[in-house]
Amino acid sequence: MAGRLYAVGVGPGDPELLTLKAARIIRTAPVVAYYSGTRGVSIARSIVADLLAPDAIEELLTYPVTVGPTEHREGYPGVMGEFYDASAERLAGHLEAGRDVVVLAEGDPLFYSSYMYLHDRLAGRFASEIVPGVTSISAASAAAATPLVRHEDVLTVLPGTLPVPELARRLADTQAAVIMKLGRTFPGVVEALRQAGRLDEARYVERASTGAELVRPVAEVDPATVPYFSMIIVPGRDRRADRAGRAVETPLRPEPVEGPCLLVVGLGPGPDRWLTPEASAALAEVDHVVGYGPYLDRVPQRPGLTRHSSGNTVELDRARTALDLALAGERVAVVSGGDAGVFGMAAAVFEAAADDRYAGVQITVQPGVSAAQAVAARAGAPLGGDYAVLSLSDRLKSWTVIEARLRAVGAADLALAIYNPASRTRRHQVKEAKEILLEFRAGDTPAIIGRSVGRPDESVTVTTLGDLDPDLVDMSCLLIIGSSRTVTSPAGVWTSRRY
């Protein structure tokens, strides 16, 4: 019979933090495998050295490269993939011979552990068991003697290898954080903490639970001394608490202050270069930004900026949150993709502001490049003449209304920009819109599918109304359907202004 594969977490470094189950399995293991860096020194083995049986077969899995260059044709992923393949086959030989194999993993086997690459290759072929271990996060928070999260606080675990703007954004969006994978990434991590306004509260922990343990404020750490086996913990911000340990709530609606104002900012379709200087300057001055999560992701994080993220279908709630902040005297901006006044947040803000309690809030809308403009520019000038703009979403209006408007556009011979054409659950609208427009337009009328325009996965497809495939359209698309005066030429698609 084949042997059994065990993945055993050996904890963060202190042998006394090894679980009883882990110790029992290691003592009786006929084969023990462990990783090491290029120098052949295994931290995992050093933790359990006193437990290894004298006759145990040891398999040292030495990384061929860590952060240095490689001449492999596929780069680092290629050389490491071949290494994991070879390591898995070495262990498979023991398992096929009937010998149980214990793979040691620092911390926990399934938490940022290299064991997982063996698991991917072997667990489907052999019986396996995971023995969890104390994670380095637990050890680091214990070393710092700092509670990380309470009650509904969110703890986010982040790799230090993320780009600085992304790391700063995520740090600003969570109550507590742990940043792993330091070493050469440390200077960038410090900059991200500074941008997120969280540097002062961050604590650096090195080699937690070992005799070389070190804990100090991040701002006092020399980047040149930071090893890979270190981390940063950022405890939950609000340490005010009642007797039950719950954060004390600050009233959201104090008495209105004189001259409250609210900005509504259009971010454009995607790339930073399409953000207007006016919008960029405004976002650099406010203290709060409110918006749908993916749009907030595009706002650079900086010290003092608080983000208020929400889902896609709660526009009025989002607007009220922003208005309440404005009433409290805060400098706040609501952000919206494209142009905020075109199927964006501006209308929702004005609708919410109709409530008498917001009568004193001055609302300023700053325009942005619309998705229709972006797609039209990529194709040429299909909106160069009279055109209409229509959303196919029937969440806020009935399909009967949409159908009537499609017929009116068709009868008026207007070029048409279509927002929100389809989603995962709304699949019939594009097909029905096509059929309606074909009652008024020839099948060879130019049609344009613009997908994620301005982003890395951008595509623009020029076809005809008759050949338009509704299955190719989803919420990342904007459609433009030409009029009888729209022409597809070698230079591009354009609509004449002359009749």
Protein backbone atom coordinates (compact mmCIF):
# COMPACT_ATOMS: atom_id res chain seq x y z
CA MET A 1 0.00 0.00 0.00
CA ALA A 2 1.11 3.55 -0.68
CA GLY A 3 2.32 5.73 2.15
CA ARG A 4 0.43 8.67 3.59
CA LEU A 5 1.41 12.31 3.05
CA TYR A 6 1.38 14.54 6.12
CA ALA A 7 1.74 18.33 6.04
CA VAL A 8 2.76 19.38 9.54
CA GLY A 9 2.80 22.97 10.71
CA VAL A 10 5.73 23.46 13.09
CA GLY A 11 4.74 26.93 14.27
CA PRO A 12 6.57 30.26 14.12
CA GLY A 13 9.87 29.22 15.68
CA ASP A 14 9.58 28.31 19.35
CA PRO A 15 9.63 24.48 19.64
CA GLU A 16 7.23 24.73 22.60
CA LEU A 17 4.56 26.14 20.26
CA LEU A 18 4.47 22.86 18.35
CA THR A 19 1.15 21.04 18.77
CA LEU A 20 1.01 17.65 20.50
CA LYS A 21 -0.30 16.05 17.33
CA ALA A 22 2.51 17.50 15.24
CA ALA A 23 5.14 16.24 17.70
CA ARG A 24 3.64 12.73 17.72
CA ILE A 25 3.61 12.45 13.93
CA ILE A 26 7.14 13.84 13.52
CA ARG A 27 8.62 11.40 16.08
CA THR A 28 7.39 8.38 14.13
CA ALA A 29 7.92 9.69 10.60
CA PRO A 30 10.00 7.38 8.39
CA VAL A 31 10.57 10.22 5.88
CA VAL A 32 10.80 13.91 6.79
CA ALA A 33 10.99 16.57 4.07
CA TYR A 34 11.64 20.28 4.48
CA TYR A 35 12.51 23.30 2.39
CA SER A 36 15.55 25.51 2.70
CA GLY A 37 16.99 28.57 1.03
CA THR A 38 19.84 28.33 -1.42
CA ARG A 39 22.34 27.85 1.42
CA GLY A 40 20.66 24.62 2.58
CA VAL A 41 19.66 25.80 6.07
CA SER A 42 16.11 24.82 7.03
CA ILE A 43 14.30 26.80 9.72
CA ALA A 44 11.54 24.21 9.86
CA ARG A 45 14.02 21.42 10.61
CA SER A 46 15.77 23.46 13.28
CA ILE A 47 12.47 23.81 15.16
CA VAL A 48 11.89 20.04 15.38
CA ALA A 49 15.47 18.71 15.30
CA ASP A 50 15.15 17.04 18.72
CA LEU A 51 12.07 15.10 17.60
CA LEU A 52 13.46 13.42 14.47
CA ALA A 53 13.96 9.66 14.69
CA PRO A 54 17.62 8.58 14.28
CA ASP A 55 16.73 6.38 11.32
CA ALA A 56 14.41 8.86 9.62
CA ILE A 57 15.15 9.55 5.97
CA GLU A 58 15.54 13.29 5.47
CA GLU A 59 14.71 14.99 2.19
CA LEU A 60 16.16 18.50 1.92
CA LEU A 61 14.33 20.51 -0.75
CA THR A 62 16.67 23.39 -1.57
CA TYR A 63 15.29 26.31 -3.53
CA PRO A 64 17.24 26.86 -6.76
CA VAL A 65 16.66 30.63 -6.50
CA THR A 66 14.97 33.06 -4.13
CA VAL A 67 15.09 36.68 -5.24
CA GLY A 68 18.09 36.55 -7.57
CA PRO A 69 18.07 36.45 -11.37
CA THR A 70 17.58 33.26 -13.36
CA GLU A 71 18.38 32.34 -16.95
CA HIS A 72 15.34 30.07 -17.27
CA ARG A 73 13.36 30.90 -20.40
CA GLU A 74 10.19 31.34 -18.30
CA GLY A 75 11.92 33.31 -15.57
CA TYR A 76 11.31 32.76 -11.86
CA PRO A 77 7.92 31.00 -12.28
CA GLY A 78 9.47 28.55 -14.73
CA VAL A 79 12.47 27.56 -12.61
CA MET A 80 10.33 27.25 -9.46
CA GLY A 81 7.69 25.20 -11.26
CA GLU A 82 10.33 22.70 -12.34
CA PHE A 83 11.70 22.63 -8.79
CA TYR A 84 8.29 21.83 -7.29
CA ASP A 85 7.72 19.16 -9.96
CA ALA A 86 11.03 17.49 -9.12
CA SER A 87 10.45 17.77 -5.36
CA ALA A 88 7.02 16.21 -5.66
CA GLU A 89 8.41 13.27 -7.64
CA ARG A 90 11.13 12.68 -5.04
CA LEU A 91 8.49 12.41 -2.33
CA ALA A 92 6.18 10.38 -4.58
CA GLY A 93 8.92 7.75 -4.79
CA HIS A 94 8.76 7.25 -1.02
CA LEU A 95 4.97 7.23 -0.97
CA GLU A 96 4.77 4.67 -3.76
CA ALA A 97 7.20 2.49 -1.80
CA GLY A 98 4.78 2.51 1.14
CA ARG A 99 6.63 5.02 3.32
CA ASP A 100 4.73 7.81 5.05
CA VAL A 101 6.15 11.26 4.31
CA VAL A 102 5.99 14.23 6.68
CA VAL A 103 6.54 17.64 5.09
CA LEU A 104 7.49 20.29 7.63
CA ALA A 105 6.10 23.79 7.18
CA GLU A 106 6.91 26.90 9.20
CA GLY A 107 3.74 28.30 10.74
CA ASP A 108 0.75 26.62 9.12
CA PRO A 109 0.97 24.41 5.98
CA LEU A 110 -1.82 26.21 4.14
CA PHE A 111 -0.95 29.81 5.03
CA TYR A 112 1.63 31.34 2.67
CA SER A 113 3.48 28.04 2.79
CA SER A 114 5.51 26.36 0.08
CA TYR A 115 3.94 23.05 1.08
CA MET A 116 0.89 24.03 -0.97
CA TYR A 117 2.80 23.46 -4.21
CA LEU A 118 3.49 19.87 -3.16
CA HIS A 119 -0.12 19.50 -2.09
CA ASP A 120 -1.28 20.55 -5.56
CA ARG A 121 0.88 17.84 -7.11
CA LEU A 122 0.50 14.97 -4.62
CA ALA A 123 -2.77 15.20 -2.68
CA GLY A 124 -4.79 13.90 -5.60
CA ARG A 125 -2.54 10.83 -5.93
CA PHE A 126 -1.99 9.83 -2.30
CA ALA A 127 -3.91 9.91 0.97
CA SER A 128 -2.99 13.08 2.81
CA GLU A 129 -3.58 14.88 6.08
CA ILE A 130 -2.99 18.49 7.14
CA VAL A 131 -1.83 19.19 10.69
CA PRO A 132 -2.33 22.90 11.36
CA GLY A 133 0.26 24.99 13.14
CA VAL A 134 0.47 28.25 15.08
CA THR A 135 0.82 31.01 12.51
CA SER A 136 3.43 33.74 12.54
CA ILE A 137 0.59 36.25 12.84
CA SER A 138 -0.43 34.78 16.19
CA ALA A 139 3.17 34.84 17.36
CA ALA A 140 3.72 38.42 16.19
CA SER A 141 0.61 39.81 17.87
CA ALA A 142 1.57 37.99 21.06
CA ALA A 143 5.08 39.42 20.88
CA ALA A 144 3.74 42.94 20.45
CA ALA A 145 1.16 42.30 23.19
CA THR A 146 -1.32 44.27 21.08
CA PRO A 147 -4.91 43.21 20.37
CA LEU A 148 -5.43 43.19 16.62
CA VAL A 149 -9.21 43.16 16.20
CA ARG A 150 -12.32 43.41 18.34
CA HIS A 151 -15.95 42.61 17.56
CA GLU A 152 -16.73 43.61 13.95
CA ASP A 153 -13.24 44.87 13.09
CA VAL A 154 -11.82 43.52 9.82
CA LEU A 155 -8.31 42.03 9.76
CA THR A 156 -6.59 42.08 6.36
CA VAL A 157 -3.45 40.05 5.64
CA LEU A 158 -1.34 41.67 2.93
CA PRO A 159 1.85 40.67 1.11
CA GLY A 160 4.47 43.40 1.09
CA THR A 161 5.07 42.64 -2.58
CA LEU A 162 1.93 44.57 -3.61
CA PRO A 163 2.50 47.87 -5.45
CA VAL A 164 2.69 50.81 -3.04
CA PRO A 165 -0.58 52.50 -4.18
CA GLU A 166 -2.52 49.23 -3.90
CA LEU A 167 -1.02 48.46 -0.50
CA ALA A 168 -1.84 51.96 0.75
CA ARG A 169 -5.43 51.67 -0.47
CA ARG A 170 -5.97 48.35 1.26
CA LEU A 171 -4.40 49.61 4.49
CA ALA A 172 -6.77 52.56 4.48
CA ASP A 173 -9.79 50.34 3.84
CA THR A 174 -9.37 48.01 6.82
CA GLN A 175 -9.45 48.33 10.60
CA ALA A 176 -6.41 46.12 11.24
CA ALA A 177 -3.72 44.64 9.02
CA VAL A 178 -0.78 42.29 8.96
CA ILE A 179 1.89 42.79 6.29
CA MET A 180 4.07 39.81 5.44
CA LYS A 181 6.86 39.16 2.93
CA LEU A 182 9.14 42.01 3.96
CA GLY A 183 12.91 42.13 3.44
CA ARG A 184 13.62 44.03 0.21
CA THR A 185 9.99 45.27 0.10
CA PHE A 186 10.30 47.11 3.42
CA PRO A 187 10.88 50.67 2.10
CA GLY A 188 7.82 50.45 -0.13
CA VAL A 189 5.73 49.09 2.74
CA VAL A 190 6.77 52.01 4.94
CA GLU A 191 5.76 54.44 2.19
CA ALA A 192 2.37 52.72 1.86
CA LEU A 193 1.83 52.98 5.62
CA ARG A 194 2.70 56.67 5.44
CA GLN A 195 0.28 57.28 2.56
CA ALA A 196 -2.48 55.47 4.44
CA GLY A 197 -1.81 57.53 7.57
CA ARG A 198 -1.00 54.41 9.60
CA LEU A 199 2.75 54.55 10.07
CA ASP A 200 2.68 55.76 13.67
CA GLU A 201 0.56 52.86 14.89
CA ALA A 202 2.37 50.12 12.96
CA ARG A 203 4.63 47.67 14.85
CA TYR A 204 7.51 45.70 13.38
CA VAL A 205 8.06 42.14 14.64
CA GLU A 206 11.12 40.12 13.70
CA ARG A 207 11.57 36.38 14.31
CA ALA A 208 8.56 36.18 16.62
CA SER A 209 8.67 33.56 19.40
CA THR A 210 12.40 32.86 18.98
CA GLY A 211 15.41 33.95 21.03
CA ALA A 212 16.13 36.60 18.40
CA GLU A 213 12.66 38.18 18.66
CA LEU A 214 12.55 41.93 18.10
CA VAL A 215 9.59 44.32 18.41
CA ARG A 216 9.72 48.05 17.69
CA PRO A 217 7.81 50.86 15.93
CA VAL A 218 8.12 50.56 12.16
CA ALA A 219 9.40 54.13 11.85
CA GLU A 220 12.48 53.19 13.94
CA VAL A 221 13.55 50.19 11.84
CA ASP A 222 16.62 50.32 9.58
CA PRO A 223 15.49 48.91 6.19
CA ALA A 224 18.91 47.35 5.65
CA THR A 225 18.42 45.04 8.65
CA VAL A 226 14.98 43.62 7.78
CA PRO A 227 14.93 39.85 7.11
CA TYR A 228 12.27 38.01 5.13
CA PHE A 229 11.00 36.36 8.33
CA SER A 230 9.53 39.52 9.79
CA MET A 231 6.17 41.22 9.61
CA ILE A 232 4.29 44.38 10.45
CA ILE A 233 1.11 44.46 12.48
CA VAL A 234 -1.29 47.40 12.35
CA PRO A 235 -3.87 47.11 15.15
CA GLY A 236 -7.41 48.32 14.81
CA ARG A 237 -7.44 52.10 14.98
CA ASP A 238 -10.22 52.81 17.43
CA ARG A 239 -9.01 51.85 20.89
CA ARG A 240 -11.86 53.67 22.66
CA ALA A 241 -14.13 51.03 24.14
CA ASP A 242 -16.95 50.48 26.56
CA ARG A 243 -16.78 47.87 29.31
CA ALA A 244 -17.66 45.14 26.79
CA GLY A 245 -14.74 46.10 24.53
CA ARG A 246 -16.88 47.66 21.84
CA ALA A 247 -15.80 50.81 20.01
CA VAL A 248 -17.60 53.95 21.11
CA GLU A 249 -19.67 55.31 18.26
CA THR A 250 -19.28 58.96 17.23
CA PRO A 251 -22.63 60.53 16.24
CA LEU A 252 -22.79 60.78 12.47
CA ARG A 253 -25.04 63.85 12.37
CA PRO A 254 -23.86 66.74 14.57
CA GLU A 255 -25.49 70.13 14.20
CA PRO A 256 -25.00 71.51 10.67
CA VAL A 257 -22.07 73.86 10.28
CA GLU A 258 -22.04 77.02 8.21
CA GLY A 259 -21.41 76.53 4.52
CA PRO A 260 -21.40 72.73 4.09
CA CYS A 261 -20.52 71.59 0.56
CA LEU A 262 -20.27 68.35 -1.34
CA LEU A 263 -18.30 67.55 -4.49
CA VAL A 264 -19.46 64.98 -7.03
CA VAL A 265 -16.50 63.94 -9.16
CA GLY A 266 -16.40 62.03 -12.46
CA LEU A 267 -13.30 59.83 -12.62
CA GLY A 268 -13.50 59.05 -16.33
CA PRO A 269 -13.64 55.54 -17.82
CA GLY A 270 -10.48 54.15 -16.28
CA PRO A 271 -6.93 55.38 -16.87
CA ASP A 272 -5.44 58.15 -14.73
CA ARG A 273 -4.62 60.20 -17.83
CA TRP A 274 -8.36 60.62 -18.44
CA LEU A 275 -8.93 62.13 -15.00
CA THR A 276 -9.32 65.89 -15.40
CA PRO A 277 -6.89 68.22 -13.57
CA GLU A 278 -9.89 69.78 -11.81
CA ALA A 279 -11.01 66.40 -10.47
CA SER A 280 -7.48 65.43 -9.47
CA ALA A 281 -7.01 68.67 -7.56
CA ALA A 282 -10.34 68.22 -5.78
CA LEU A 283 -9.51 64.68 -4.69
CA ALA A 284 -6.21 65.93 -3.27
CA GLU A 285 -8.06 68.36 -0.97
CA VAL A 286 -10.94 66.35 0.49
CA ASP A 287 -10.77 64.30 3.68
CA HIS A 288 -13.43 61.74 2.70
CA VAL A 289 -14.28 59.96 -0.54
CA VAL A 290 -17.53 58.04 -0.93
CA GLY A 291 -18.29 55.62 -3.74
CA TYR A 292 -18.75 52.18 -5.24
CA GLY A 293 -15.78 50.00 -4.29
CA PRO A 294 -14.14 49.60 -7.74
CA TYR A 295 -14.30 53.36 -8.30
CA LEU A 296 -12.78 54.09 -4.89
CA ASP A 297 -9.93 51.75 -5.84
CA ARG A 298 -8.91 54.32 -8.46
CA VAL A 299 -8.49 57.14 -5.92
CA PRO A 300 -4.87 57.30 -4.66
CA GLN A 301 -4.54 56.85 -0.94
CA ARG A 302 -2.78 59.52 1.13
CA PRO A 303 -2.50 60.52 4.79
CA GLY A 304 -5.75 61.81 6.25
CA LEU A 305 -8.02 60.40 3.55
CA THR A 306 -10.91 58.21 4.73
CA ARG A 307 -12.71 56.01 2.23
CA HIS A 308 -16.36 54.97 2.47
CA SER A 309 -17.00 52.03 0.15
CA SER A 310 -20.36 50.50 -0.70
CA GLY A 311 -21.98 48.12 -3.17
CA ASN A 312 -23.34 48.79 -6.62
CA THR A 313 -27.08 49.17 -5.98
CA VAL A 314 -27.24 51.49 -2.95
CA GLU A 315 -26.77 54.84 -4.65
CA LEU A 316 -29.16 56.77 -2.38
CA ASP A 317 -27.62 55.34 0.79
CA ARG A 318 -24.20 56.28 -0.55
CA ALA A 319 -25.40 59.80 -1.33
CA ARG A 320 -26.88 60.23 2.16
CA THR A 321 -23.63 59.12 3.75
CA ALA A 322 -21.79 61.81 1.80
CA LEU A 323 -24.38 64.47 2.59
CA ASP A 324 -24.26 63.61 6.30
CA LEU A 325 -20.48 63.98 6.26
CA ALA A 326 -20.86 67.36 4.53
CA LEU A 327 -23.36 68.47 7.16
CA ALA A 328 -20.81 67.53 9.82
CA GLY A 329 -18.37 70.00 8.29
CA GLU A 330 -16.20 67.43 6.55
CA ARG A 331 -14.60 67.97 3.15
CA VAL A 332 -16.09 65.14 1.10
CA ALA A 333 -16.31 63.99 -2.50
CA VAL A 334 -18.58 61.40 -4.07
CA VAL A 335 -16.80 59.64 -6.92
CA SER A 336 -18.38 58.07 -9.97
CA GLY A 337 -16.99 56.34 -13.05
CA GLY A 338 -17.05 58.17 -16.37
CA ASP A 339 -19.07 61.36 -16.03
CA ALA A 340 -21.00 61.55 -12.76
CA GLY A 341 -23.94 63.14 -14.54
CA VAL A 342 -24.33 60.33 -17.11
CA PHE A 343 -25.92 57.32 -15.37
CA GLY A 344 -23.67 58.21 -12.43
CA MET A 345 -23.90 59.43 -8.86
CA ALA A 346 -24.79 63.07 -9.50
CA ALA A 347 -28.52 62.39 -9.97
CA ALA A 348 -28.60 60.19 -6.85
CA VAL A 349 -26.95 62.93 -4.80
CA PHE A 350 -29.46 65.54 -5.94
CA GLU A 351 -32.34 63.12 -5.29
CA ALA A 352 -31.14 62.45 -1.74
CA ALA A 353 -30.47 66.16 -1.19
CA ALA A 354 -34.17 66.91 -1.82
CA ASP A 355 -34.66 66.01 1.85
CA ASP A 356 -35.14 69.25 3.81
CA ARG A 357 -32.36 68.45 6.25
CA TYR A 358 -29.82 68.80 3.43
CA ALA A 359 -31.15 72.17 2.26
CA GLY A 360 -27.96 73.94 3.33
CA VAL A 361 -25.53 71.70 1.46
CA GLN A 362 -24.02 73.20 -1.67
CA ILE A 363 -23.47 70.51 -4.33
CA THR A 364 -20.83 70.96 -7.03
CA VAL A 365 -20.53 68.49 -9.89
CA GLN A 366 -17.18 68.15 -11.65
CA PRO A 367 -17.43 66.56 -15.12
CA GLY A 368 -15.47 63.57 -16.37
CA VAL A 369 -14.86 61.82 -19.67
CA SER A 370 -17.91 59.62 -20.28
CA ALA A 371 -17.75 56.00 -21.41
CA ALA A 372 -19.67 56.94 -24.56
CA GLN A 373 -17.05 59.57 -25.41
CA ALA A 374 -14.22 57.11 -24.81
CA VAL A 375 -15.66 54.33 -26.98
CA ALA A 376 -16.66 56.77 -29.73
CA ALA A 377 -13.14 58.21 -29.81
CA ARG A 378 -11.58 54.77 -30.10
CA ALA A 379 -13.81 53.96 -33.09
CA GLY A 380 -13.66 57.36 -34.78
CA ALA A 381 -16.62 59.75 -34.56
CA PRO A 382 -19.83 57.69 -34.52
CA LEU A 383 -21.49 60.30 -32.28
CA GLY A 384 -20.47 63.16 -34.56
CA GLY A 385 -24.08 63.97 -35.41
CA ASP A 386 -27.26 63.97 -33.33
CA TYR A 387 -27.35 61.00 -30.95
CA ALA A 388 -29.20 59.57 -27.98
CA VAL A 389 -27.94 57.91 -24.81
CA LEU A 390 -29.94 55.07 -23.25
CA SER A 391 -29.46 52.51 -20.49
CA LEU A 392 -30.86 49.01 -20.96
CA SER A 393 -30.96 48.36 -17.22
CA ASP A 394 -34.52 47.79 -16.06
CA ARG A 395 -33.66 48.07 -12.35
CA LEU A 396 -35.03 51.62 -12.06
CA LYS A 397 -37.42 51.67 -15.03
CA SER A 398 -39.52 49.04 -16.73
CA TRP A 399 -38.61 47.26 -19.95
CA THR A 400 -41.79 48.71 -21.45
CA VAL A 401 -40.34 52.21 -21.01
CA ILE A 402 -36.99 51.13 -22.49
CA GLU A 403 -38.70 49.49 -25.45
CA ALA A 404 -40.72 52.65 -26.19
CA ARG A 405 -37.58 54.77 -26.09
CA LEU A 406 -35.72 52.40 -28.41
CA ARG A 407 -38.54 52.74 -30.93
CA ALA A 408 -38.46 56.52 -30.59
CA VAL A 409 -34.70 56.58 -31.22
CA GLY A 410 -35.13 54.26 -34.18
CA ALA A 411 -37.86 56.40 -35.69
CA ALA A 412 -35.84 59.59 -35.18
CA ASP A 413 -32.81 58.05 -36.94
CA LEU A 414 -30.44 58.94 -34.11
CA ALA A 415 -27.13 57.26 -33.43
CA LEU A 416 -27.40 55.53 -30.07
CA ALA A 417 -24.97 54.95 -27.18
CA ILE A 418 -26.20 52.11 -24.95
CA TYR A 419 -25.08 51.89 -21.32
CA ASN A 420 -25.58 48.86 -19.05
CA PRO A 421 -26.42 46.59 -21.99
CA ALA A 422 -26.33 43.26 -20.15
CA SER A 423 -25.27 41.52 -16.95
CA ARG A 424 -25.00 37.94 -15.72
CA THR A 425 -28.74 37.89 -14.99
CA ARG A 426 -29.99 40.28 -17.70
CA ARG A 427 -29.33 38.52 -20.99
CA HIS A 428 -32.40 39.29 -23.14
CA GLN A 429 -32.16 43.07 -23.50
CA VAL A 430 -29.45 43.32 -26.17
CA LYS A 431 -31.20 40.74 -28.36
CA GLU A 432 -34.55 42.54 -28.05
CA ALA A 433 -32.97 45.97 -28.59
CA LYS A 434 -31.31 44.67 -31.75
CA GLU A 435 -34.61 43.33 -33.07
CA ILE A 436 -36.38 46.64 -32.38
CA LEU A 437 -33.69 48.75 -34.04
CA LEU A 438 -33.66 46.45 -37.10
CA GLU A 439 -37.27 47.52 -37.67
CA PHE A 440 -35.91 51.01 -38.44
CA ARG A 441 -32.31 50.43 -39.58
CA ALA A 442 -30.61 48.39 -42.27
CA GLY A 443 -28.70 45.30 -41.21
CA ASP A 444 -25.41 46.85 -42.37
CA THR A 445 -25.73 49.81 -39.99
CA PRO A 446 -22.39 50.10 -38.13
CA ALA A 447 -22.35 48.79 -34.56
CA ILE A 448 -19.50 49.15 -32.07
CA ILE A 449 -18.79 47.04 -28.96
CA GLY A 450 -16.40 48.84 -26.62
CA ARG A 451 -15.13 46.68 -23.79
CA SER A 452 -13.16 48.07 -20.81
CA VAL A 453 -11.98 51.00 -22.90
CA GLY A 454 -8.94 52.68 -21.39
CA ARG A 455 -7.95 49.64 -19.33
CA PRO A 456 -5.35 46.93 -20.03
CA ASP A 457 -7.96 44.48 -21.35
CA GLU A 458 -9.54 47.03 -23.71
CA SER A 459 -11.10 45.85 -26.96
CA VAL A 460 -13.15 47.67 -29.58
CA THR A 461 -15.09 45.60 -32.11
CA VAL A 462 -16.68 47.18 -35.17
CA THR A 463 -19.46 45.08 -36.68
CA THR A 464 -22.95 45.67 -38.05
CA LEU A 465 -26.34 45.75 -36.40
CA GLY A 466 -27.34 42.62 -38.31
CA ASP A 467 -24.23 40.70 -37.24
CA LEU A 468 -24.17 41.97 -33.63
CA ASP A 469 -23.84 38.94 -31.30
CA PRO A 470 -25.62 39.64 -27.97
CA ASP A 471 -23.63 36.85 -26.30
CA LEU A 472 -20.46 38.95 -26.68
CA VAL A 473 -21.89 41.80 -24.60
CA ASP A 474 -21.79 42.20 -20.80
CA MET A 475 -21.63 44.97 -18.18
CA SER A 476 -18.04 45.87 -19.08
CA CYS A 477 -19.26 46.90 -22.55
CA LEU A 478 -20.79 50.00 -24.05
CA LEU A 479 -22.57 49.72 -27.41
CA ILE A 480 -22.87 52.34 -30.10
CA ILE A 481 -25.38 51.78 -32.90
CA GLY A 482 -25.09 54.12 -35.86
CA SER A 483 -27.81 55.98 -37.73
CA SER A 484 -28.52 55.93 -41.46
CA ARG A 485 -25.80 58.58 -41.79
CA THR A 486 -23.09 56.50 -40.05
CA VAL A 487 -20.28 55.21 -42.26
CA THR A 488 -17.53 52.66 -41.76
CA SER A 489 -14.46 53.76 -43.69
CA PRO A 490 -10.79 52.69 -43.66
CA ALA A 491 -10.07 55.63 -41.35
CA GLY A 492 -12.79 54.78 -38.82
CA VAL A 493 -16.51 54.93 -38.06
CA TRP A 494 -18.15 58.34 -38.29
CA THR A 495 -21.59 59.89 -38.48
CA SER A 496 -22.18 62.75 -40.88
CA ARG A 497 -23.75 65.94 -39.57
CA ARG A 498 -25.40 66.54 -42.94
CA TYR A 499 -28.76 65.28 -44.10
